[in-house]
PDB file of N, CA and C in Angstrom:
ATOM      1  N   MET A   1       7.012 -13.708  33.821  1.00  0.00           N
ATOM      2  CA  MET A   1       8.046 -13.582  32.928  1.00  0.00           C
ATOM      3  C   MET A   1       7.607 -14.127  31.570  1.00  0.00           C
ATOM      4  N   ARG A   2       6.911 -15.263  31.583  1.00  0.00           N
ATOM      5  CA  ARG A   2       6.513 -15.897  30.446  1.00  0.00           C
ATOM      6  C   ARG A   2       5.430 -15.037  29.762  1.00  0.00           C
ATOM      7  N   ASN A   3       4.568 -14.371  30.525  1.00  0.00           N
ATOM      8  CA  ASN A   3       3.480 -13.589  29.965  1.00  0.00           C
ATOM      9  C   ASN A   3       4.084 -12.420  29.287  1.00  0.00           C
ATOM     10  N   ARG A   4       5.074 -11.768  29.864  1.00  0.00           N
ATOM     11  CA  ARG A   4       5.697 -10.615  29.297  1.00  0.00           C
ATOM     12  C   ARG A   4       6.343 -10.927  27.950  1.00  0.00           C
ATOM     13  N   GLN A   5       6.940 -12.114  27.751  1.00  0.00           N
ATOM     14  CA  GLN A   5       7.528 -12.554  26.536  1.00  0.00           C
ATOM     15  C   GLN A   5       6.403 -12.772  25.445  1.00  0.00           C
ATOM     16  N   ILE A   6       5.256 -13.244  25.906  1.00  0.00           N
ATOM     17  CA  ILE A   6       4.162 -13.513  24.961  1.00  0.00           C
ATOM     18  C   ILE A   6       3.511 -12.132  24.508  1.00  0.00           C
ATOM     19  N   VAL A   7       3.457 -11.273  25.370  1.00  0.00           N
ATOM     20  CA  VAL A   7       2.890  -9.904  25.028  1.00  0.00           C
ATOM     21  C   VAL A   7       3.898  -9.137  24.146  1.00  0.00           C
ATOM     22  N   MET A   8       5.177  -9.243  24.390  1.00  0.00           N
ATOM     23  CA  MET A   8       6.138  -8.629  23.500  1.00  0.00           C
ATOM     24  C   MET A   8       6.065  -9.309  22.109  1.00  0.00           C
ATOM     25  N   LEU A   9       5.924 -10.613  21.963  1.00  0.00           N
ATOM     26  CA  LEU A   9       5.861 -11.240  20.705  1.00  0.00           C
ATOM     27  C   LEU A   9       4.591 -10.848  19.888  1.00  0.00           C
ATOM     28  N   ILE A  10       3.464 -10.725  20.597  1.00  0.00           N
ATOM     29  CA  ILE A  10       2.288 -10.352  20.002  1.00  0.00           C
ATOM     30  C   ILE A  10       2.358  -8.836  19.499  1.00  0.00           C
ATOM     31  N   ALA A  11       3.028  -8.004  20.313  1.00  0.00           N
ATOM     32  CA  ALA A  11       3.173  -6.527  19.892  1.00  0.00           C
ATOM     33  C   ALA A  11       4.120  -6.426  18.673  1.00  0.00           C
ATOM     34  N   ALA A  12       5.221  -7.342  18.716  1.00  0.00           N
ATOM     35  CA  ALA A  12       6.072  -7.248  17.650  1.00  0.00           C
ATOM     36  C   ALA A  12       5.385  -7.761  16.278  1.00  0.00           C
ATOM     37  N   ALA A  13       4.569  -8.765  16.443  1.00  0.00           N
ATOM     38  CA  ALA A  13       3.857  -9.357  15.184  1.00  0.00           C
ATOM     39  C   ALA A  13       2.893  -8.273  14.772  1.00  0.00           C
ATOM     40  N   ALA A  14       2.170  -7.637  15.638  1.00  0.00           N
ATOM     41  CA  ALA A  14       1.162  -6.580  15.288  1.00  0.00           C
ATOM     42  C   ALA A  14       1.881  -5.437  14.495  1.00  0.00           C
ATOM     43  N   LEU A  15       2.993  -4.997  15.006  1.00  0.00           N
ATOM     44  CA  LEU A  15       3.828  -3.979  14.458  1.00  0.00           C
ATOM     45  C   LEU A  15       4.262  -4.335  13.040  1.00  0.00           C
ATOM     46  N   LEU A  16       4.686  -5.520  12.872  1.00  0.00           N
ATOM     47  CA  LEU A  16       5.126  -6.085  11.589  1.00  0.00           C
ATOM     48  C   LEU A  16       3.965  -6.115  10.591  1.00  0.00           C
ATOM     49  N   ALA A  17       2.775  -6.590  11.048  1.00  0.00           N
ATOM     50  CA  ALA A  17       1.549  -6.682  10.279  1.00  0.00           C
ATOM     51  C   ALA A  17       1.183  -5.276   9.775  1.00  0.00           C
ATOM     52  N   MET A  18       1.322  -4.239  10.634  1.00  0.00           N
ATOM     53  CA  MET A  18       0.922  -2.852  10.137  1.00  0.00           C
ATOM     54  C   MET A  18       1.925  -2.309   9.114  1.00  0.00           C
ATOM     55  N   ALA A  19       3.267  -2.770   9.200  1.00  0.00           N
ATOM     56  CA  ALA A  19       4.269  -2.296   8.377  1.00  0.00           C
ATOM     57  C   ALA A  19       4.215  -2.892   6.931  1.00  0.00           C
ATOM     58  N   VAL A  20       3.615  -4.041   6.823  1.00  0.00           N
ATOM     59  CA  VAL A  20       3.552  -4.736   5.511  1.00  0.00           C
ATOM     60  C   VAL A  20       2.498  -3.935   4.631  1.00  0.00           C
ATOM     61  N   ARG A  21       2.946  -3.695   3.454  1.00  0.00           N
ATOM     62  CA  ARG A  21       2.110  -3.004   2.462  1.00  0.00           C
ATOM     63  C   ARG A  21       0.964  -3.930   2.009  1.00  0.00           C
ATOM     64  N   HIS A  22      -0.290  -3.393   2.030  1.00  0.00           N
ATOM     65  CA  HIS A  22      -1.388  -4.204   1.541  1.00  0.00           C
ATOM     66  C   HIS A  22      -1.398  -4.309  -0.035  1.00  0.00           C
ATOM     67  N   PRO A  23      -1.938  -5.281  -0.557  1.00  0.00           N
ATOM     68  CA  PRO A  23      -2.001  -5.403  -2.031  1.00  0.00           C
ATOM     69  C   PRO A  23      -2.797  -4.292  -2.739  1.00  0.00           C
ATOM     70  N   SER A  24      -2.356  -3.914  -3.892  1.00  0.00           N
ATOM     71  CA  SER A  24      -3.082  -2.880  -4.611  1.00  0.00           C
ATOM     72  C   SER A  24      -3.081  -3.176  -6.124  1.00  0.00           C
ATOM     73  N   ALA A  25      -4.123  -2.776  -6.840  1.00  0.00           N
ATOM     74  CA  ALA A  25      -4.118  -2.999  -8.250  1.00  0.00           C
ATOM     75  C   ALA A  25      -4.144  -1.572  -8.915  1.00  0.00           C
ATOM     76  N   GLU A  26      -3.372  -1.473  -9.896  1.00  0.00           N
ATOM     77  CA  GLU A  26      -3.285  -0.280 -10.732  1.00  0.00           C
ATOM     78  C   GLU A  26      -3.609  -0.507 -12.236  1.00  0.00           C
ATOM     79  N   ILE A  27      -4.750   0.115 -12.699  1.00  0.00           N
ATOM     80  CA  ILE A  27      -5.167  -0.222 -13.948  1.00  0.00           C
ATOM     81  C   ILE A  27      -5.073   1.188 -14.768  1.00  0.00           C
ATOM     82  N   ASN A  28      -4.313   1.169 -15.879  1.00  0.00           N
ATOM     83  CA  ASN A  28      -4.224   2.232 -16.728  1.00  0.00           C
ATOM     84  C   ASN A  28      -4.662   1.965 -18.175  1.00  0.00           C
ATOM     85  N   ILE A  29      -5.683   2.721 -18.595  1.00  0.00           N
ATOM     86  CA  ILE A  29      -6.236   2.551 -19.929  1.00  0.00           C
ATOM     87  C   ILE A  29      -5.841   3.871 -20.722  1.00  0.00           C
ATOM     88  N   LEU A  30      -4.795   3.728 -21.548  1.00  0.00           N
ATOM     89  CA  LEU A  30      -4.268   4.878 -22.340  1.00  0.00           C
ATOM     90  C   LEU A  30      -4.705   4.831 -23.663  1.00  0.00           C
ATOM     91  N   THR A  31      -5.748   5.603 -24.060  1.00  0.00           N
ATOM     92  CA  THR A  31      -6.199   5.614 -25.506  1.00  0.00           C
ATOM     93  C   THR A  31      -6.007   7.002 -26.097  1.00  0.00           C
ATOM     94  N   ALA A  32      -5.242   7.825 -25.457  1.00  0.00           N
ATOM     95  CA  ALA A  32      -4.988   9.142 -26.037  1.00  0.00           C
ATOM     96  C   ALA A  32      -3.921   9.061 -27.088  1.00  0.00           C
ATOM     97  N   ASP A  33      -3.950   9.931 -28.184  1.00  0.00           N
ATOM     98  CA  ASP A  33      -3.108  10.018 -29.178  1.00  0.00           C
ATOM     99  C   ASP A  33      -1.715  10.581 -28.619  1.00  0.00           C
ATOM    100  N   ALA A  34      -0.596   9.943 -29.102  1.00  0.00           N
ATOM    101  CA  ALA A  34       0.703  10.296 -28.575  1.00  0.00           C
ATOM    102  C   ALA A  34       0.996  11.724 -28.841  1.00  0.00           C
ATOM    103  N   SER A  35       0.492  12.399 -29.895  1.00  0.00           N
ATOM    104  CA  SER A  35       0.806  13.775 -30.241  1.00  0.00           C
ATOM    105  C   SER A  35      -0.043  14.731 -29.437  1.00  0.00           C
ATOM    106  N   ASP A  36      -1.062  14.327 -28.647  1.00  0.00           N
ATOM    107  CA  ASP A  36      -1.948  15.101 -27.889  1.00  0.00           C
ATOM    108  C   ASP A  36      -1.263  15.448 -26.550  1.00  0.00           C
ATOM    109  N   ARG A  37      -0.879  16.761 -26.405  1.00  0.00           N
ATOM    110  CA  ARG A  37      -0.122  17.136 -25.258  1.00  0.00           C
ATOM    111  C   ARG A  37      -0.994  17.250 -23.970  1.00  0.00           C
ATOM    112  N   THR A  38      -2.339  17.476 -24.107  1.00  0.00           N
ATOM    113  CA  THR A  38      -3.232  17.597 -22.994  1.00  0.00           C
ATOM    114  C   THR A  38      -4.354  16.697 -23.193  1.00  0.00           C
ATOM    115  N   PRO A  39      -4.259  15.359 -22.995  1.00  0.00           N
ATOM    116  CA  PRO A  39      -5.345  14.480 -23.208  1.00  0.00           C
ATOM    117  C   PRO A  39      -6.343  14.628 -22.001  1.00  0.00           C
ATOM    118  N   HIS A  40      -7.583  14.305 -22.294  1.00  0.00           N
ATOM    119  CA  HIS A  40      -8.583  14.288 -21.155  1.00  0.00           C
ATOM    120  C   HIS A  40      -8.249  13.047 -20.351  1.00  0.00           C
ATOM    121  N   GLN A  41      -8.501  13.046 -18.967  1.00  0.00           N
ATOM    122  CA  GLN A  41      -8.257  11.982 -18.191  1.00  0.00           C
ATOM    123  C   GLN A  41      -9.242  11.892 -16.962  1.00  0.00           C
ATOM    124  N   VAL A  42      -9.453  10.721 -16.547  1.00  0.00           N
ATOM    125  CA  VAL A  42     -10.205  10.444 -15.298  1.00  0.00           C
ATOM    126  C   VAL A  42      -9.392   9.615 -14.413  1.00  0.00           C
ATOM    127  N   LYS A  43      -9.227  10.054 -13.200  1.00  0.00           N
ATOM    128  CA  LYS A  43      -8.512   9.222 -12.147  1.00  0.00           C
ATOM    129  C   LYS A  43      -9.423   8.848 -11.014  1.00  0.00           C
ATOM    130  N   ALA A  44      -9.330   7.659 -10.478  1.00  0.00           N
ATOM    131  CA  ALA A  44     -10.120   7.175  -9.381  1.00  0.00           C
ATOM    132  C   ALA A  44      -9.296   6.294  -8.506  1.00  0.00           C
ATOM    133  N   ALA A  45      -9.577   6.333  -7.259  1.00  0.00           N
ATOM    134  CA  ALA A  45      -8.764   5.494  -6.284  1.00  0.00           C
ATOM    135  C   ALA A  45      -9.789   5.071  -5.266  1.00  0.00           C
ATOM    136  N   VAL A  46      -9.699   3.814  -4.796  1.00  0.00           N
ATOM    137  CA  VAL A  46     -10.476   3.166  -3.737  1.00  0.00           C
ATOM    138  C   VAL A  46      -9.563   2.446  -2.809  1.00  0.00           C
ATOM    139  N   ASP A  47      -9.548   2.771  -1.556  1.00  0.00           N
ATOM    140  CA  ASP A  47      -8.747   2.016  -0.601  1.00  0.00           C
ATOM    141  C   ASP A  47      -9.720   1.460   0.394  1.00  0.00           C
ATOM    142  N   LEU A  48      -9.846   0.105   0.456  1.00  0.00           N
ATOM    143  CA  LEU A  48     -10.769  -0.529   1.288  1.00  0.00           C
ATOM    144  C   LEU A  48     -10.061  -1.068   2.625  1.00  0.00           C
ATOM    145  N   GLY A  49      -8.758  -0.632   2.859  1.00  0.00           N
ATOM    146  CA  GLY A  49      -8.093  -1.102   4.000  1.00  0.00           C
ATOM    147  C   GLY A  49      -7.202  -2.276   3.814  1.00  0.00           C
ATOM    148  N   LEU A  50      -7.887  -3.309   3.278  1.00  0.00           N
ATOM    149  CA  LEU A  50      -7.156  -4.554   2.937  1.00  0.00           C
ATOM    150  C   LEU A  50      -6.554  -4.563   1.526  1.00  0.00           C
ATOM    151  N   VAL A  51      -7.247  -3.909   0.681  1.00  0.00           N
ATOM    152  CA  VAL A  51      -6.836  -3.811  -0.767  1.00  0.00           C
ATOM    153  C   VAL A  51      -7.109  -2.484  -1.225  1.00  0.00           C
ATOM    154  N   ALA A  52      -6.357  -2.059  -2.363  1.00  0.00           N
ATOM    155  CA  ALA A  52      -6.580  -0.777  -2.893  1.00  0.00           C
ATOM    156  C   ALA A  52      -6.652  -0.886  -4.449  1.00  0.00           C
ATOM    157  N   PHE A  53      -7.415   0.035  -5.067  1.00  0.00           N
ATOM    158  CA  PHE A  53      -7.539  -0.070  -6.588  1.00  0.00           C
ATOM    159  C   PHE A  53      -7.351   1.402  -7.070  1.00  0.00           C
ATOM    160  N   ARG A  54      -6.566   1.541  -8.072  1.00  0.00           N
ATOM    161  CA  ARG A  54      -6.317   2.806  -8.706  1.00  0.00           C
ATOM    162  C   ARG A  54      -6.690   2.597 -10.275  1.00  0.00           C
ATOM    163  N   LEU A  55      -7.330   3.580 -10.862  1.00  0.00           N
ATOM    164  CA  LEU A  55      -7.747   3.562 -12.214  1.00  0.00           C
ATOM    165  C   LEU A  55      -7.455   4.804 -12.913  1.00  0.00           C
ATOM    166  N   LEU A  56      -6.720   4.745 -14.095  1.00  0.00           N
ATOM    167  CA  LEU A  56      -6.542   5.993 -14.896  1.00  0.00           C
ATOM    168  C   LEU A  56      -6.959   5.680 -16.281  1.00  0.00           C
ATOM    169  N   ILE A  57      -7.750   6.590 -16.844  1.00  0.00           N
ATOM    170  CA  ILE A  57      -8.330   6.477 -18.189  1.00  0.00           C
ATOM    171  C   ILE A  57      -7.891   7.764 -18.895  1.00  0.00           C
ATOM    172  N   THR A  58      -7.262   7.794 -20.020  1.00  0.00           N
ATOM    173  CA  THR A  58      -7.023   8.958 -20.860  1.00  0.00           C
ATOM    174  C   THR A  58      -7.646   8.724 -22.258  1.00  0.00           C
ATOM    175  N   TRP A  59      -8.015   9.876 -22.926  1.00  0.00           N
ATOM    176  CA  TRP A  59      -8.485   9.868 -24.225  1.00  0.00           C
ATOM    177  C   TRP A  59      -8.226  11.171 -24.876  1.00  0.00           C
ATOM    178  N   THR A  60      -8.304  11.185 -26.293  1.00  0.00           N
ATOM    179  CA  THR A  60      -8.090  12.392 -27.031  1.00  0.00           C
ATOM    180  C   THR A  60      -9.419  12.902 -27.460  1.00  0.00           C
ATOM    181  N   ALA A  61      -9.745  14.209 -27.193  1.00  0.00           N
ATOM    182  CA  ALA A  61     -10.925  14.736 -27.542  1.00  0.00           C
ATOM    183  C   ALA A  61     -11.056  15.183 -28.986  1.00  0.00           C
ATOM    184  N   LYS A  62     -10.012  15.583 -29.539  1.00  0.00           N
ATOM    185  CA  LYS A  62     -10.116  16.014 -30.922  1.00  0.00           C
ATOM    186  C   LYS A  62     -10.045  14.817 -31.849  1.00  0.00           C
ATOM    187  N   GLY A  63     -10.579  14.935 -33.034  1.00  0.00           N
ATOM    188  CA  GLY A  63     -10.639  13.831 -34.059  1.00  0.00           C
ATOM    189  C   GLY A  63      -9.263  13.547 -34.554  1.00  0.00           C
ATOM    190  N   LEU A  64      -8.925  12.305 -34.671  1.00  0.00           N
ATOM    191  CA  LEU A  64      -7.693  11.900 -35.210  1.00  0.00           C
ATOM    192  C   LEU A  64      -7.663  11.966 -36.788  1.00  0.00           C
ATOM    193  N   THR A  65      -6.650  12.470 -37.398  1.00  0.00           N
ATOM    194  CA  THR A  65      -6.603  12.593 -38.858  1.00  0.00           C
ATOM    195  C   THR A  65      -5.576  11.677 -39.482  1.00  0.00           C
TER     196      THR A  65
END
């Protein structure tokens, strides 16, 4: 009976650990002109299991006047 309670406690802890969202970093570098309707952009994402990184970089290709 005691072993069953321990196993249930471990299973509940494991389920809770899987449900918790892992930390992630989101970095946005927005250098596009506000009037540019279609700025160039690069998106990248890396998920290492324990942490995740997302990167967004935008820029304007045409010269600003």
